[in-house]
């Protein structure tokens, strides 16, 4: 398997942090939203960023 360079590892780490933060922010916003449609959209965004996070993590784990 190809090794990840230090630069790419740093970029992936930064992306993981960003995605984790977005998951939390959208989830919190969804919990606090009163409008059902807005709550649903915010929840969907949280799930989308969770998917991004998981994809990045799986990529990282597959290159260890």
PDB file of N, CA and C in Angstrom:
ATOM      1  N   UNK A   1       0.823  -1.188   0.000  1.00  0.00           N
ATOM      2  CA  UNK A   1       0.000   0.000   0.000  1.00  0.00           C
ATOM      3  C   UNK A   1       0.864   1.248   0.000  1.00  0.00           C
ATOM      4  N   UNK A   2       0.382   2.284  -0.631  1.00  0.00           N
ATOM      5  CA  UNK A   2       1.113   3.546  -0.651  1.00  0.00           C
ATOM      6  C   UNK A   2       1.028   4.233   0.698  1.00  0.00           C
ATOM      7  N   UNK A   3       2.173   4.788   1.102  1.00  0.00           N
ATOM      8  CA  UNK A   3       2.205   5.551   2.348  1.00  0.00           C
ATOM      9  C   UNK A   3       1.739   6.977   2.076  1.00  0.00           C
ATOM     10  N   UNK A   4       1.144   7.579   3.062  1.00  0.00           N
ATOM     11  CA  UNK A   4       0.692   8.964   2.959  1.00  0.00           C
ATOM     12  C   UNK A   4       1.854   9.859   3.377  1.00  0.00           C
ATOM     13  N   UNK A   5       2.113  10.893   2.572  1.00  0.00           N
ATOM     14  CA  UNK A   5       3.189  11.822   2.918  1.00  0.00           C
ATOM     15  C   UNK A   5       2.786  12.643   4.138  1.00  0.00           C
ATOM     16  N   UNK A   6       3.770  13.220   4.786  1.00  0.00           N
ATOM     17  CA  UNK A   6       3.508  14.035   5.978  1.00  0.00           C
ATOM     18  C   UNK A   6       2.590  15.203   5.641  1.00  0.00           C
ATOM     19  N   UNK A   7       2.804  15.810   4.479  1.00  0.00           N
ATOM     20  CA  UNK A   7       1.970  16.946   4.057  1.00  0.00           C
ATOM     21  C   UNK A   7       0.515  16.504   3.873  1.00  0.00           C
ATOM     22  N   UNK A   8       0.324  15.379   3.201  1.00  0.00           N
ATOM     23  CA  UNK A   8      -1.037  14.875   2.987  1.00  0.00           C
ATOM     24  C   UNK A   8      -1.684  14.440   4.291  1.00  0.00           C
ATOM     25  N   UNK A   9      -0.885  13.880   5.180  1.00  0.00           N
ATOM     26  CA  UNK A   9      -1.405  13.474   6.483  1.00  0.00           C
ATOM     27  C   UNK A   9      -1.899  14.694   7.262  1.00  0.00           C
ATOM     28  N   UNK A  10      -1.151  15.771   7.194  1.00  0.00           N
ATOM     29  CA  UNK A  10      -1.562  17.014   7.852  1.00  0.00           C
ATOM     30  C   UNK A  10      -2.854  17.550   7.240  1.00  0.00           C
ATOM     31  N   UNK A  11      -2.949  17.512   5.913  1.00  0.00           N
ATOM     32  CA  UNK A  11      -4.165  17.997   5.248  1.00  0.00           C
ATOM     33  C   UNK A  11      -5.380  17.144   5.624  1.00  0.00           C
ATOM     34  N   UNK A  12      -5.196  15.833   5.648  1.00  0.00           N
ATOM     35  CA  UNK A  12      -6.304  14.944   6.016  1.00  0.00           C
ATOM     36  C   UNK A  12      -6.709  15.177   7.469  1.00  0.00           C
ATOM     37  N   UNK A  13      -5.742  15.358   8.322  1.00  0.00           N
ATOM     38  CA  UNK A  13      -6.026  15.640   9.729  1.00  0.00           C
ATOM     39  C   UNK A  13      -6.834  16.931   9.872  1.00  0.00           C
ATOM     40  N   UNK A  14      -6.435  17.965   9.138  1.00  0.00           N
ATOM     41  CA  UNK A  14      -7.170  19.233   9.157  1.00  0.00           C
ATOM     42  C   UNK A  14      -8.597  19.057   8.637  1.00  0.00           C
ATOM     43  N   UNK A  15      -8.737  18.271   7.572  1.00  0.00           N
ATOM     44  CA  UNK A  15     -10.066  18.020   7.014  1.00  0.00           C
ATOM     45  C   UNK A  15     -10.945  17.246   8.001  1.00  0.00           C
ATOM     46  N   UNK A  16     -10.353  16.265   8.682  1.00  0.00           N
ATOM     47  CA  UNK A  16     -11.108  15.504   9.684  1.00  0.00           C
ATOM     48  C   UNK A  16     -11.616  16.424  10.793  1.00  0.00           C
ATOM     49  N   UNK A  17     -10.759  17.317  11.255  1.00  0.00           N
ATOM     50  CA  UNK A  17     -11.171  18.270  12.291  1.00  0.00           C
ATOM     51  C   UNK A  17     -12.300  19.171  11.801  1.00  0.00           C
ATOM     52  N   UNK A  18     -12.168  19.650  10.572  1.00  0.00           N
ATOM     53  CA  UNK A  18     -13.197  20.527  10.004  1.00  0.00           C
ATOM     54  C   UNK A  18     -14.527  19.801   9.861  1.00  0.00           C
ATOM     55  N   UNK A  19     -14.473  18.579   9.354  1.00  0.00           N
ATOM     56  CA  UNK A  19     -15.709  17.808   9.174  1.00  0.00           C
ATOM     57  C   UNK A  19     -16.356  17.492  10.518  1.00  0.00           C
ATOM     58  N   UNK A  20     -15.554  17.152  11.510  1.00  0.00           N
ATOM     59  CA  UNK A  20     -16.098  16.860  12.841  1.00  0.00           C
ATOM     60  C   UNK A  20     -16.785  18.095  13.412  1.00  0.00           C
ATOM     61  N   UNK A  21     -16.178  19.249  13.225  1.00  0.00           N
ATOM     62  CA  UNK A  21     -16.773  20.490  13.703  1.00  0.00           C
ATOM     63  C   UNK A  21     -18.093  20.783  12.988  1.00  0.00           C
ATOM     64  N   UNK A  22     -18.116  20.564  11.676  1.00  0.00           N
ATOM     65  CA  UNK A  22     -19.348  20.796  10.913  1.00  0.00           C
ATOM     66  C   UNK A  22     -20.459  19.844  11.343  1.00  0.00           C
ATOM     67  N   UNK A  23     -20.100  18.588  11.624  1.00  0.00           N
ATOM     68  CA  UNK A  23     -21.099  17.619  12.110  1.00  0.00           C
ATOM     69  C   UNK A  23     -21.741  18.161  13.381  1.00  0.00           C
ATOM     70  N   UNK A  24     -20.909  18.606  14.315  1.00  0.00           N
ATOM     71  CA  UNK A  24     -21.412  19.108  15.598  1.00  0.00           C
ATOM     72  C   UNK A  24     -22.251  20.371  15.423  1.00  0.00           C
ATOM     73  N   UNK A  25     -21.766  21.300  14.602  1.00  0.00           N
ATOM     74  CA  UNK A  25     -22.492  22.567  14.417  1.00  0.00           C
ATOM     75  C   UNK A  25     -23.862  22.343  13.786  1.00  0.00           C
ATOM     76  N   UNK A  26     -23.905  21.527  12.716  1.00  0.00           N
ATOM     77  CA  UNK A  26     -25.196  21.277  12.072  1.00  0.00           C
ATOM     78  C   UNK A  26     -26.130  20.469  12.976  1.00  0.00           C
ATOM     79  N   UNK A  27     -25.597  19.539  13.739  1.00  0.00           N
ATOM     80  CA  UNK A  27     -26.429  18.756  14.654  1.00  0.00           C
ATOM     81  C   UNK A  27     -27.017  19.655  15.739  1.00  0.00           C
ATOM     82  N   UNK A  28     -26.194  20.541  16.290  1.00  0.00           N
ATOM     83  CA  UNK A  28     -26.671  21.471  17.318  1.00  0.00           C
ATOM     84  C   UNK A  28     -27.722  22.420  16.745  1.00  0.00           C
ATOM     85  N   UNK A  29     -27.447  22.932  15.555  1.00  0.00           N
ATOM     86  CA  UNK A  29     -28.413  23.834  14.917  1.00  0.00           C
ATOM     87  C   UNK A  29     -29.731  23.110  14.653  1.00  0.00           C
ATOM     88  N   UNK A  30     -29.643  21.857  14.240  1.00  0.00           N
ATOM     89  CA  UNK A  30     -30.851  21.070  13.986  1.00  0.00           C
ATOM     90  C   UNK A  30     -31.656  20.867  15.266  1.00  0.00           C
ATOM     91  N   UNK A  31     -30.959  20.575  16.356  1.00  0.00           N
ATOM     92  CA  UNK A  31     -31.632  20.360  17.638  1.00  0.00           C
ATOM     93  C   UNK A  31     -32.347  21.624  18.112  1.00  0.00           C
ATOM     94  N   UNK A  32     -31.782  22.777  17.792  1.00  0.00           N
ATOM     95  CA  UNK A  32     -32.340  24.042  18.267  1.00  0.00           C
ATOM     96  C   UNK A  32     -33.346  24.670  17.308  1.00  0.00           C
ATOM     97  N   UNK A  33     -33.434  24.158  16.097  1.00  0.00           N
ATOM     98  CA  UNK A  33     -34.353  24.733  15.106  1.00  0.00           C
ATOM     99  C   UNK A  33     -35.797  24.419  15.475  1.00  0.00           C
ATOM    100  N   UNK A  34     -36.633  25.388  15.251  1.00  0.00           N
ATOM    101  CA  UNK A  34     -38.061  25.202  15.540  1.00  0.00           C
ATOM    102  C   UNK A  34     -38.837  24.763  14.294  1.00  0.00           C
ATOM    103  N   UNK A  35     -38.425  25.253  13.149  1.00  0.00           N
ATOM    104  CA  UNK A  35     -39.108  24.933  11.896  1.00  0.00           C
ATOM    105  C   UNK A  35     -38.747  23.507  11.466  1.00  0.00           C
ATOM    106  N   UNK A  36     -39.732  22.646  11.252  1.00  0.00           N
ATOM    107  CA  UNK A  36     -39.467  21.247  10.901  1.00  0.00           C
ATOM    108  C   UNK A  36     -38.652  21.083   9.609  1.00  0.00           C
ATOM    109  N   UNK A  37     -38.939  21.917   8.614  1.00  0.00           N
ATOM    110  CA  UNK A  37     -38.206  21.811   7.350  1.00  0.00           C
ATOM    111  C   UNK A  37     -36.733  22.195   7.542  1.00  0.00           C
ATOM    112  N   UNK A  38     -36.499  23.264   8.279  1.00  0.00           N
ATOM    113  CA  UNK A  38     -35.135  23.697   8.556  1.00  0.00           C
ATOM    114  C   UNK A  38     -34.409  22.648   9.400  1.00  0.00           C
ATOM    115  N   UNK A  39     -35.103  22.110  10.401  1.00  0.00           N
ATOM    116  CA  UNK A  39     -34.528  21.067  11.255  1.00  0.00           C
ATOM    117  C   UNK A  39     -34.082  19.873  10.414  1.00  0.00           C
ATOM    118  N   UNK A  40     -34.910  19.479   9.450  1.00  0.00           N
ATOM    119  CA  UNK A  40     -34.598  18.352   8.584  1.00  0.00           C
ATOM    120  C   UNK A  40     -33.387  18.642   7.707  1.00  0.00           C
ATOM    121  N   UNK A  41     -33.335  19.838   7.138  1.00  0.00           N
ATOM    122  CA  UNK A  41     -32.207  20.191   6.274  1.00  0.00           C
ATOM    123  C   UNK A  41     -30.902  20.258   7.058  1.00  0.00           C
ATOM    124  N   UNK A  42     -30.953  20.830   8.235  1.00  0.00           N
ATOM    125  CA  UNK A  42     -29.755  20.907   9.074  1.00  0.00           C
ATOM    126  C   UNK A  42     -29.288  19.516   9.494  1.00  0.00           C
ATOM    127  N   UNK A  43     -30.228  18.656   9.799  1.00  0.00           N
ATOM    128  CA  UNK A  43     -29.896  17.277  10.159  1.00  0.00           C
ATOM    129  C   UNK A  43     -29.253  16.555   8.972  1.00  0.00           C
ATOM    130  N   UNK A  44     -29.790  16.783   7.782  1.00  0.00           N
ATOM    131  CA  UNK A  44     -29.217  16.181   6.574  1.00  0.00           C
ATOM    132  C   UNK A  44     -27.787  16.654   6.351  1.00  0.00           C
ATOM    133  N   UNK A  45     -27.534  17.928   6.602  1.00  0.00           N
ATOM    134  CA  UNK A  45     -26.181  18.465   6.445  1.00  0.00           C
ATOM    135  C   UNK A  45     -25.235  17.825   7.461  1.00  0.00           C
ATOM    136  N   UNK A  46     -25.716  17.613   8.669  1.00  0.00           N
ATOM    137  CA  UNK A  46     -24.900  16.956   9.683  1.00  0.00           C
ATOM    138  C   UNK A  46     -24.529  15.539   9.228  1.00  0.00           C
ATOM    139  N   UNK A  47     -25.515  14.818   8.689  1.00  0.00           N
ATOM    140  CA  UNK A  47     -25.267  13.456   8.218  1.00  0.00           C
ATOM    141  C   UNK A  47     -24.305  13.441   7.030  1.00  0.00           C
ATOM    142  N   UNK A  48     -24.420  14.431   6.154  1.00  0.00           N
ATOM    143  CA  UNK A  48     -23.522  14.521   5.003  1.00  0.00           C
ATOM    144  C   UNK A  48     -22.080  14.715   5.461  1.00  0.00           C
ATOM    145  N   UNK A  49     -21.876  15.584   6.427  1.00  0.00           N
ATOM    146  CA  UNK A  49     -20.520  15.819   6.920  1.00  0.00           C
ATOM    147  C   UNK A  49     -19.999  14.633   7.732  1.00  0.00           C
ATOM    148  N   UNK A  50     -20.897  13.906   8.368  1.00  0.00           N
ATOM    149  CA  UNK A  50     -20.504  12.667   9.054  1.00  0.00           C
ATOM    150  C   UNK A  50     -19.993  11.663   8.021  1.00  0.00           C
ATOM    151  N   UNK A  51     -20.660  11.609   6.879  1.00  0.00           N
ATOM    152  CA  UNK A  51     -20.231  10.724   5.795  1.00  0.00           C
ATOM    153  C   UNK A  51     -18.844  11.122   5.286  1.00  0.00           C
ATOM    154  N   UNK A  52     -18.636  12.426   5.111  1.00  0.00           N
ATOM    155  CA  UNK A  52     -17.325  12.917   4.681  1.00  0.00           C
ATOM    156  C   UNK A  52     -16.249  12.514   5.694  1.00  0.00           C
ATOM    157  N   UNK A  53     -16.560  12.704   6.975  1.00  0.00           N
ATOM    158  CA  UNK A  53     -15.624  12.359   8.046  1.00  0.00           C
ATOM    159  C   UNK A  53     -15.268  10.874   7.983  1.00  0.00           C
ATOM    160  N   UNK A  54     -16.274  10.039   7.860  1.00  0.00           N
ATOM    161  CA  UNK A  54     -16.073   8.592   7.819  1.00  0.00           C
ATOM    162  C   UNK A  54     -15.254   8.184   6.596  1.00  0.00           C
ATOM    163  N   UNK A  55     -15.532   8.807   5.455  1.00  0.00           N
ATOM    164  CA  UNK A  55     -14.777   8.516   4.233  1.00  0.00           C
ATOM    165  C   UNK A  55     -13.307   8.861   4.409  1.00  0.00           C
ATOM    166  N   UNK A  56     -13.038  10.032   4.977  1.00  0.00           N
ATOM    167  CA  UNK A  56     -11.656  10.439   5.219  1.00  0.00           C
ATOM    168  C   UNK A  56     -10.960   9.489   6.201  1.00  0.00           C
ATOM    169  N   UNK A  57     -11.670   9.132   7.249  1.00  0.00           N
ATOM    170  CA  UNK A  57     -11.100   8.237   8.253  1.00  0.00           C
ATOM    171  C   UNK A  57     -10.811   6.859   7.655  1.00  0.00           C
ATOM    172  N   UNK A  58     -11.723   6.353   6.849  1.00  0.00           N
ATOM    173  CA  UNK A  58     -11.509   5.052   6.193  1.00  0.00           C
ATOM    174  C   UNK A  58     -10.307   5.111   5.252  1.00  0.00           C
ATOM    175  N   UNK A  59     -10.182   6.221   4.531  1.00  0.00           N
ATOM    176  CA  UNK A  59      -9.028   6.382   3.632  1.00  0.00           C
ATOM    177  C   UNK A  59      -7.737   6.368   4.442  1.00  0.00           C
ATOM    178  N   UNK A  60      -7.750   7.109   5.524  1.00  0.00           N
ATOM    179  CA  UNK A  60      -6.570   7.186   6.378  1.00  0.00           C
ATOM    180  C   UNK A  60      -6.223   5.808   6.941  1.00  0.00           C
ATOM    181  N   UNK A  61      -7.206   5.099   7.425  1.00  0.00           N
ATOM    182  CA  UNK A  61      -6.972   3.764   7.998  1.00  0.00           C
ATOM    183  C   UNK A  61      -6.500   2.742   6.956  1.00  0.00           C
ATOM    184  N   UNK A  62      -6.921   2.923   5.717  1.00  0.00           N
ATOM    185  CA  UNK A  62      -6.525   1.969   4.672  1.00  0.00           C
ATOM    186  C   UNK A  62      -5.093   2.184   4.196  1.00  0.00           C
ATOM    187  N   UNK A  63      -4.488   3.293   4.603  1.00  0.00           N
ATOM    188  CA  UNK A  63      -3.124   3.598   4.177  1.00  0.00           C
ATOM    189  C   UNK A  63      -2.123   3.559   5.337  1.00  0.00           C
ATOM    190  N   UNK A  64      -2.454   2.842   6.367  1.00  0.00           N
ATOM    191  CA  UNK A  64      -1.518   2.716   7.502  1.00  0.00           C
ATOM    192  C   UNK A  64      -0.598   1.555   7.305  1.00  0.00           C
TER     193      UNK A  64
END
